[in-house]
PDB file of N, CA and C in Angstrom:
ATOM      1  N   UNK A   1      10.588  -6.518  -0.293  1.00  0.00           N
ATOM      2  CA  UNK A   1       9.177  -6.432  -0.638  1.00  0.00           C
ATOM      3  C   UNK A   1       9.050  -5.712  -1.985  1.00  0.00           C
ATOM      4  N   UNK A   2       8.159  -6.184  -2.810  1.00  0.00           N
ATOM      5  CA  UNK A   2       7.946  -5.565  -4.121  1.00  0.00           C
ATOM      6  C   UNK A   2       7.083  -4.311  -3.989  1.00  0.00           C
ATOM      7  N   UNK A   3       7.193  -3.411  -4.938  1.00  0.00           N
ATOM      8  CA  UNK A   3       6.513  -2.113  -4.846  1.00  0.00           C
ATOM      9  C   UNK A   3       5.006  -2.201  -5.078  1.00  0.00           C
ATOM     10  N   UNK A   4       4.529  -3.268  -5.671  1.00  0.00           N
ATOM     11  CA  UNK A   4       3.099  -3.375  -5.955  1.00  0.00           C
ATOM     12  C   UNK A   4       2.329  -4.077  -4.837  1.00  0.00           C
ATOM     13  N   UNK A   5       3.032  -4.611  -3.827  1.00  0.00           N
ATOM     14  CA  UNK A   5       2.365  -5.272  -2.702  1.00  0.00           C
ATOM     15  C   UNK A   5       2.365  -4.346  -1.497  1.00  0.00           C
ATOM     16  N   UNK A   6       1.183  -4.122  -0.917  1.00  0.00           N
ATOM     17  CA  UNK A   6       1.033  -3.210   0.217  1.00  0.00           C
ATOM     18  C   UNK A   6       0.352  -3.948   1.362  1.00  0.00           C
ATOM     19  N   UNK A   7       1.121  -4.334   2.329  1.00  0.00           N
ATOM     20  CA  UNK A   7       0.649  -5.162   3.438  1.00  0.00           C
ATOM     21  C   UNK A   7      -0.390  -4.469   4.320  1.00  0.00           C
ATOM     22  N   UNK A   8      -0.260  -3.171   4.545  1.00  0.00           N
ATOM     23  CA  UNK A   8      -1.119  -2.470   5.508  1.00  0.00           C
ATOM     24  C   UNK A   8      -2.010  -1.407   4.865  1.00  0.00           C
ATOM     25  N   UNK A   9      -2.497  -1.652   3.678  1.00  0.00           N
ATOM     26  CA  UNK A   9      -3.297  -0.668   2.957  1.00  0.00           C
ATOM     27  C   UNK A   9      -4.764  -1.107   2.930  1.00  0.00           C
ATOM     28  N   UNK A  10      -5.665  -0.188   3.238  1.00  0.00           N
ATOM     29  CA  UNK A  10      -7.101  -0.490   3.160  1.00  0.00           C
ATOM     30  C   UNK A  10      -7.563  -0.347   1.710  1.00  0.00           C
ATOM     31  N   UNK A  11      -8.767  -0.793   1.432  1.00  0.00           N
ATOM     32  CA  UNK A  11      -9.330  -0.641   0.092  1.00  0.00           C
ATOM     33  C   UNK A  11      -9.472   0.817  -0.305  1.00  0.00           C
ATOM     34  N   UNK A  12      -9.930   1.631   0.617  1.00  0.00           N
ATOM     35  CA  UNK A  12     -10.086   3.062   0.346  1.00  0.00           C
ATOM     36  C   UNK A  12      -8.730   3.716   0.083  1.00  0.00           C
ATOM     37  N   UNK A  13      -7.729   3.349   0.881  1.00  0.00           N
ATOM     38  CA  UNK A  13      -6.382   3.888   0.676  1.00  0.00           C
ATOM     39  C   UNK A  13      -5.809   3.434  -0.664  1.00  0.00           C
ATOM     40  N   UNK A  14      -6.118   2.210  -1.073  1.00  0.00           N
ATOM     41  CA  UNK A  14      -5.648   1.704  -2.368  1.00  0.00           C
ATOM     42  C   UNK A  14      -6.237   2.538  -3.499  1.00  0.00           C
ATOM     43  N   UNK A  15      -7.536   2.813  -3.433  1.00  0.00           N
ATOM     44  CA  UNK A  15      -8.183   3.654  -4.443  1.00  0.00           C
ATOM     45  C   UNK A  15      -7.561   5.041  -4.495  1.00  0.00           C
ATOM     46  N   UNK A  16      -7.357   5.628  -3.334  1.00  0.00           N
ATOM     47  CA  UNK A  16      -6.781   6.972  -3.251  1.00  0.00           C
ATOM     48  C   UNK A  16      -5.379   6.994  -3.853  1.00  0.00           C
ATOM     49  N   UNK A  17      -4.580   5.998  -3.532  1.00  0.00           N
ATOM     50  CA  UNK A  17      -3.212   5.921  -4.043  1.00  0.00           C
ATOM     51  C   UNK A  17      -3.207   5.797  -5.566  1.00  0.00           C
ATOM     52  N   UNK A  18      -4.046   4.927  -6.102  1.00  0.00           N
ATOM     53  CA  UNK A  18      -4.082   4.743  -7.551  1.00  0.00           C
ATOM     54  C   UNK A  18      -4.644   5.961  -8.269  1.00  0.00           C
ATOM     55  N   UNK A  19      -5.634   6.615  -7.694  1.00  0.00           N
ATOM     56  CA  UNK A  19      -6.206   7.814  -8.321  1.00  0.00           C
ATOM     57  C   UNK A  19      -5.211   8.962  -8.316  1.00  0.00           C
ATOM     58  N   UNK A  20      -4.448   9.079  -7.234  1.00  0.00           N
ATOM     59  CA  UNK A  20      -3.529  10.200  -7.091  1.00  0.00           C
ATOM     60  C   UNK A  20      -2.214  10.043  -7.825  1.00  0.00           C
ATOM     61  N   UNK A  21      -1.684   8.819  -7.868  1.00  0.00           N
ATOM     62  CA  UNK A  21      -0.348   8.638  -8.442  1.00  0.00           C
ATOM     63  C   UNK A  21      -0.293   7.608  -9.555  1.00  0.00           C
ATOM     64  N   UNK A  22      -1.366   6.881  -9.751  1.00  0.00           N
ATOM     65  CA  UNK A  22      -1.352   5.825 -10.755  1.00  0.00           C
ATOM     66  C   UNK A  22      -1.651   6.338 -12.150  1.00  0.00           C
ATOM     67  N   UNK A  23      -1.270   5.548 -13.125  1.00  0.00           N
ATOM     68  CA  UNK A  23      -1.598   5.809 -14.523  1.00  0.00           C
ATOM     69  C   UNK A  23      -2.312   4.570 -15.054  1.00  0.00           C
ATOM     70  N   UNK A  24      -2.888   4.658 -16.234  1.00  0.00           N
ATOM     71  CA  UNK A  24      -3.580   3.524 -16.836  1.00  0.00           C
ATOM     72  C   UNK A  24      -2.698   2.273 -16.767  1.00  0.00           C
ATOM     73  N   UNK A  25      -3.226   1.223 -16.181  1.00  0.00           N
ATOM     74  CA  UNK A  25      -2.480  -0.030 -16.042  1.00  0.00           C
ATOM     75  C   UNK A  25      -1.781  -0.202 -14.704  1.00  0.00           C
ATOM     76  N   UNK A  26      -1.761   0.835 -13.870  1.00  0.00           N
ATOM     77  CA  UNK A  26      -1.152   0.711 -12.535  1.00  0.00           C
ATOM     78  C   UNK A  26      -1.970  -0.268 -11.701  1.00  0.00           C
ATOM     79  N   UNK A  27      -1.305  -1.009 -10.838  1.00  0.00           N
ATOM     80  CA  UNK A  27      -2.012  -1.958  -9.986  1.00  0.00           C
ATOM     81  C   UNK A  27      -1.289  -2.120  -8.668  1.00  0.00           C
ATOM     82  N   UNK A  28      -2.001  -2.657  -7.685  1.00  0.00           N
ATOM     83  CA  UNK A  28      -1.388  -3.031  -6.418  1.00  0.00           C
ATOM     84  C   UNK A  28      -2.180  -4.179  -5.813  1.00  0.00           C
ATOM     85  N   UNK A  29      -1.511  -4.948  -5.007  1.00  0.00           N
ATOM     86  CA  UNK A  29      -2.137  -6.077  -4.308  1.00  0.00           C
ATOM     87  C   UNK A  29      -1.988  -5.844  -2.814  1.00  0.00           C
ATOM     88  N   UNK A  30      -2.961  -6.369  -2.065  1.00  0.00           N
ATOM     89  CA  UNK A  30      -2.935  -6.226  -0.609  1.00  0.00           C
ATOM     90  C   UNK A  30      -3.719  -7.369   0.001  1.00  0.00           C
ATOM     91  N   UNK A  31      -3.436  -7.692   1.254  1.00  0.00           N
ATOM     92  CA  UNK A  31      -4.234  -8.717   1.932  1.00  0.00           C
ATOM     93  C   UNK A  31      -5.664  -8.218   2.136  1.00  0.00           C
ATOM     94  N   UNK A  32      -6.621  -9.112   2.011  1.00  0.00           N
ATOM     95  CA  UNK A  32      -8.021  -8.765   2.257  1.00  0.00           C
ATOM     96  C   UNK A  32      -8.237  -8.584   3.749  1.00  0.00           C
ATOM     97  N   UNK A  33      -8.945  -7.530   4.119  1.00  0.00           N
ATOM     98  CA  UNK A  33      -9.270  -7.327   5.538  1.00  0.00           C
ATOM     99  C   UNK A  33     -10.522  -8.098   5.926  1.00  0.00           C
ATOM    100  N   UNK A  34     -11.385  -8.402   4.956  1.00  0.00           N
ATOM    101  CA  UNK A  34     -12.625  -9.130   5.236  1.00  0.00           C
ATOM    102  C   UNK A  34     -12.412 -10.638   5.291  1.00  0.00           C
ATOM    103  N   UNK A  35     -11.591 -11.156   4.408  1.00  0.00           N
ATOM    104  CA  UNK A  35     -11.377 -12.599   4.300  1.00  0.00           C
ATOM    105  C   UNK A  35      -9.907 -12.923   4.533  1.00  0.00           C
ATOM    106  N   UNK A  36      -9.577 -13.241   5.760  1.00  0.00           N
ATOM    107  CA  UNK A  36      -8.193 -13.516   6.122  1.00  0.00           C
ATOM    108  C   UNK A  36      -7.625 -14.627   5.247  1.00  0.00           C
ATOM    109  N   UNK A  37      -6.434 -14.404   4.724  1.00  0.00           N
ATOM    110  CA  UNK A  37      -5.772 -15.362   3.850  1.00  0.00           C
ATOM    111  C   UNK A  37      -6.005 -15.095   2.370  1.00  0.00           C
ATOM    112  N   UNK A  38      -6.985 -14.237   2.034  1.00  0.00           N
ATOM    113  CA  UNK A  38      -7.245 -13.849   0.646  1.00  0.00           C
ATOM    114  C   UNK A  38      -6.529 -12.540   0.338  1.00  0.00           C
ATOM    115  N   UNK A  39      -6.456 -12.214  -0.946  1.00  0.00           N
ATOM    116  CA  UNK A  39      -5.826 -10.982  -1.389  1.00  0.00           C
ATOM    117  C   UNK A  39      -6.773 -10.219  -2.299  1.00  0.00           C
ATOM    118  N   UNK A  40      -6.560  -8.917  -2.387  1.00  0.00           N
ATOM    119  CA  UNK A  40      -7.318  -8.053  -3.291  1.00  0.00           C
ATOM    120  C   UNK A  40      -6.346  -7.406  -4.265  1.00  0.00           C
ATOM    121  N   UNK A  41      -6.787  -7.262  -5.504  1.00  0.00           N
ATOM    122  CA  UNK A  41      -6.007  -6.609  -6.543  1.00  0.00           C
ATOM    123  C   UNK A  41      -6.757  -5.360  -6.971  1.00  0.00           C
ATOM    124  N   UNK A  42      -6.104  -4.211  -6.891  1.00  0.00           N
ATOM    125  CA  UNK A  42      -6.696  -2.945  -7.337  1.00  0.00           C
ATOM    126  C   UNK A  42      -5.964  -2.497  -8.592  1.00  0.00           C
ATOM    127  N   UNK A  43      -6.730  -2.090  -9.604  1.00  0.00           N
ATOM    128  CA  UNK A  43      -6.174  -1.726 -10.907  1.00  0.00           C
ATOM    129  C   UNK A  43      -6.753  -0.387 -11.343  1.00  0.00           C
ATOM    130  N   UNK A  44      -5.906   0.456 -11.924  1.00  0.00           N
ATOM    131  CA  UNK A  44      -6.396   1.721 -12.485  1.00  0.00           C
ATOM    132  C   UNK A  44      -6.473   1.581 -13.998  1.00  0.00           C
ATOM    133  N   UNK A  45      -7.639   1.900 -14.524  1.00  0.00           N
ATOM    134  CA  UNK A  45      -7.835   1.842 -15.963  1.00  0.00           C
ATOM    135  C   UNK A  45      -8.765   2.966 -16.388  1.00  0.00           C
ATOM    136  N   UNK A  46      -8.431   3.640 -17.439  1.00  0.00           N
ATOM    137  CA  UNK A  46      -9.244   4.715 -18.001  1.00  0.00           C
ATOM    138  C   UNK A  46      -9.667   5.737 -16.946  1.00  0.00           C
ATOM    139  N   UNK A  47      -8.761   6.079 -16.051  1.00  0.00           N
ATOM    140  CA  UNK A  47      -9.012   7.122 -15.067  1.00  0.00           C
ATOM    141  C   UNK A  47      -9.763   6.687 -13.827  1.00  0.00           C
ATOM    142  N   UNK A  48     -10.146   5.418 -13.730  1.00  0.00           N
ATOM    143  CA  UNK A  48     -10.832   4.927 -12.535  1.00  0.00           C
ATOM    144  C   UNK A  48     -10.057   3.749 -11.953  1.00  0.00           C
ATOM    145  N   UNK A  49     -10.305   3.437 -10.698  1.00  0.00           N
ATOM    146  CA  UNK A  49      -9.666   2.262 -10.108  1.00  0.00           C
ATOM    147  C   UNK A  49     -10.736   1.239  -9.768  1.00  0.00           C
ATOM    148  N   UNK A  50     -10.387  -0.030  -9.919  1.00  0.00           N
ATOM    149  CA  UNK A  50     -11.294  -1.137  -9.637  1.00  0.00           C
ATOM    150  C   UNK A  50     -10.575  -2.132  -8.743  1.00  0.00           C
ATOM    151  N   UNK A  51     -11.337  -2.841  -7.922  1.00  0.00           N
ATOM    152  CA  UNK A  51     -10.753  -3.840  -7.039  1.00  0.00           C
ATOM    153  C   UNK A  51     -11.404  -5.187  -7.299  1.00  0.00           C
ATOM    154  N   UNK A  52     -10.580  -6.215  -7.291  1.00  0.00           N
ATOM    155  CA  UNK A  52     -11.046  -7.576  -7.514  1.00  0.00           C
ATOM    156  C   UNK A  52     -10.549  -8.458  -6.379  1.00  0.00           C
ATOM    157  N   UNK A  53     -11.457  -9.218  -5.782  1.00  0.00           N
ATOM    158  CA  UNK A  53     -11.077 -10.163  -4.734  1.00  0.00           C
ATOM    159  C   UNK A  53     -10.511 -11.421  -5.384  1.00  0.00           C
ATOM    160  N   UNK A  54      -9.676 -12.136  -4.659  1.00  0.00           N
ATOM    161  CA  UNK A  54      -9.100 -13.386  -5.133  1.00  0.00           C
ATOM    162  C   UNK A  54     -10.213 -14.344  -5.568  1.00  0.00           C
ATOM    163  N   UNK A  55     -10.029 -14.976  -6.710  1.00  0.00           N
ATOM    164  CA  UNK A  55     -10.998 -15.945  -7.192  1.00  0.00           C
ATOM    165  C   UNK A  55     -12.124 -15.367  -8.033  1.00  0.00           C
ATOM    166  N   UNK A  56     -12.117 -14.060  -8.257  1.00  0.00           N
ATOM    167  CA  UNK A  56     -13.156 -13.421  -9.076  1.00  0.00           C
ATOM    168  C   UNK A  56     -12.525 -12.799 -10.314  1.00  0.00           C
ATOM    169  N   UNK A  57     -13.327 -12.569 -11.325  1.00  0.00           N
ATOM    170  CA  UNK A  57     -12.852 -11.981 -12.578  1.00  0.00           C
ATOM    171  C   UNK A  57     -12.942 -10.465 -12.529  1.00  0.00           C
ATOM    172  N   UNK A  58     -12.028  -9.827 -13.231  1.00  0.00           N
ATOM    173  CA  UNK A  58     -12.045  -8.370 -13.367  1.00  0.00           C
ATOM    174  C   UNK A  58     -11.903  -8.061 -14.844  1.00  0.00           C
ATOM    175  N   UNK A  59     -12.912  -7.472 -15.433  1.00  0.00           N
ATOM    176  CA  UNK A  59     -12.860  -7.097 -16.845  1.00  0.00           C
ATOM    177  C   UNK A  59     -12.450  -5.648 -16.969  1.00  0.00           C
ATOM    178  N   UNK A  60     -11.462  -5.398 -17.788  1.00  0.00           N
ATOM    179  CA  UNK A  60     -10.977  -4.033 -17.995  1.00  0.00           C
ATOM    180  C   UNK A  60     -11.380  -3.537 -19.366  1.00  0.00           C
TER     181      UNK A  60
END
């Protein structure tokens, strides 16, 4: 398993992980809990973390 994919991580846990240990440009992917079969991408940029659902745009 790759280090950026987290199978059992919630959105809140993803934010906490990126805020605590991430640096600008850090990211992680995880399965969506709301939409089975979709994925979410969380990215840390400029000291904040953002999450984007599959099929949507994320501007950094």
